[in-house]
Structures are given as structure tokens and as C-alpha cells.
Amino acid sequence: MRQLAEHKRVVEKWRGLEKKLVDIAESMPLAAEDSSFGNEIRAEIKATASYLDNLELELAFRGEYDARNALLTIHSGAGGTESQDWANMLLRMYLRWAEGRGYKAEMLDTSPGDEAGIKSATIELSGEYAFGYLKSEHGVHRLVRLSPFDADHARHTSFALVEILPEAKADIDLNIASEDLKVDVFRSSGPGGQHMQKTSSAVRITHLPTKLVVSCQSERSQHQNKEIAMKILQARLLNMELAKRNEERARLKGERVFAGWGNQIRSYILHPYKMVKDHRTEYQSSNPDGVLDGDLDGFITAYLRSIIGQEA
């Protein structure tokens, strides 16, 4: 039923576009006789062309999970405070991007940095095609800047890994047996007040068959932390299954699969010049401040159009 509703929604969009084009075509003779009406029609044509661009972009959303919500996790790389601050900058960037698109962003878990920033954070982004759009962000992000933590203001390079996982639906995607799970509780560490420090509210879940471990300690309630940890675990198990499928397809095609920490996708240069460049599409911007403030649509669109081009 969910798939049927999604197909109907897509069909309605294209039929709506068809009706708009018919209306415009029928209005053209009148537009040629009335200049003010002609201006209205030209504005309508421009708006319709923009709408068509967006519909064409959605052709890239052919994946089984593209229409789902997304779990976005940021891990700081080697480099201590520098990378932890960079991870926090990326977190802010994605939150601002989500706000601009009208997506709901919910913080699921965060691990604060030693002096500044974060060691890691996981947020859930809910909205139409959230995973479809954000899958372009999966990979290593590199920052080059003058360090605000260095007394000599030397130039530093920092790395952070961004993971994008589709939201898993346990009743459809996974069959996790209770005996396959080991649940441990422990006291939360880091900031959070006396309650979180004195009670065993943090939860760690181990999936025994895969040895995958997920923990959560952001909430005051052990029950809430367990729910969040299960949501993250389900998404990671689904991602492992997808990775297995992709590896098998690549093996059959005779391709070598490049994955892991070295998969650098984008560089953010703040010194000695200002530029953000995507290494997969060659798309770039000379306004890194705007990009870090959530202006990611150009990069995401370029990536999605490259997918359409590869499939054409």
C-alpha cells in the first residue's frame, strides 16, 4: 500500500505538469495579443520549467529506500580538537540545510569533544526523499583552514566521516531475534547533570551474529536510550545488507569496490583561498561560508544529475 501511494503521488505530479503545459499552449494566442497577459504567461513558463527540473531530478530516486527518512552520523577523524570542531561544523551545516528544506531533524545521540566540538553525532532527518537527497553526502569531508586552536594560527587539515543510512522498518526489512541481542546498561559519561551521572540510563546493544555494537546515552531515560539505540542498530544492519548486495553486484561486474575512510568526496578550503569542491562531480563554490550555513543544494543536485547521466 505504501508503494502504491508513492507511485500514485509520482503519477499525479507528472499529470499535473501535463495539464499546466496544455493550459500554457492554449493561452499562447491570447498572450501574443495582450502584452500584460504575455508577461504572466512568460512567468508561468519559467515556473513550470523550474518545476520540470525538479521532477527530472527525482528520476535519480530509483533506489528502494530513496523515499525514506535518513539517519546521518558524523564521526570526527584523527586530529583531536581540530577534527572534533570540524565535525561540529558539519553537524550545524546539515541542520541548517534540513531547516531550509522544511525537514524535521531529531538529535538521536551525540558524544561531546574533549575540549570543543563533537566526537560523533547521529541525527534523524524526516521528510520527502530525505535519504535520496542525503545519500550524496556519504563519505569523508576535508577541511583546510587556519586553526583557531593553534596559538601560531598555523594551517591545519581536518577530516570527518559522514555516514548516511536509510531508516529501517523492522516489520518489513529486518527479522531480529531477541536472543541475538545482548543489552547492557551503564552510567552515562560526559555532561548531562547528576541524574545521568548517578543512574544507569545509558544503553549498549550488541547484535551477536554480526558483533555490531550500538550505544546511546543522550536521554535521561533508559527506555528512551534503548529505543534510539535499536533504531540506529536497525539502520546499520540494513546498511550492512545493502553493502553485501552492492559488493556482490560489483563482483559480478568485475569492478573493484572502493570504500572506507579514504573515500574523500569533498574539500572545504578556507585558507589560503576560499572554495568548496566536490571531487566526484567537480562542482565547486567560491562561497564556503554559505555552504557551511546549509547551502548544499548545488552539490546535491550535481551529484544526482551525475547519477542520471550514468544510468542514461
Foldseek 3Di string as FASTA:
>chain_A
DVVVVVVVVLVVLVVVLVVLVVVLVVCVVVCVVDVVVVVVSVVSVVVSVVSVLVSVLCVLVPDPQQFFKKKKKKAWDPDAPVSQQVSQLQVLQAVLQLVVVVWDKAWLAFAAGPPHHGRMTIIITGDTRNLVLCVLVFAKEKEWAQDPVDPVSDIDITIMGMDMFGFADCVPQHDQDPVQKDKDFAADDDDDDDLSRPDRQKIWIARNVVRDIFIHSPDSHNVSRVVSRVRVVRRVVSVVVVVVVVVVVCVVVVHDDDDDHVGYFWYAYPPPAGKIAGPPQRDMDRCSVVSSSHPCVVVSSSVSVVSVVVVD
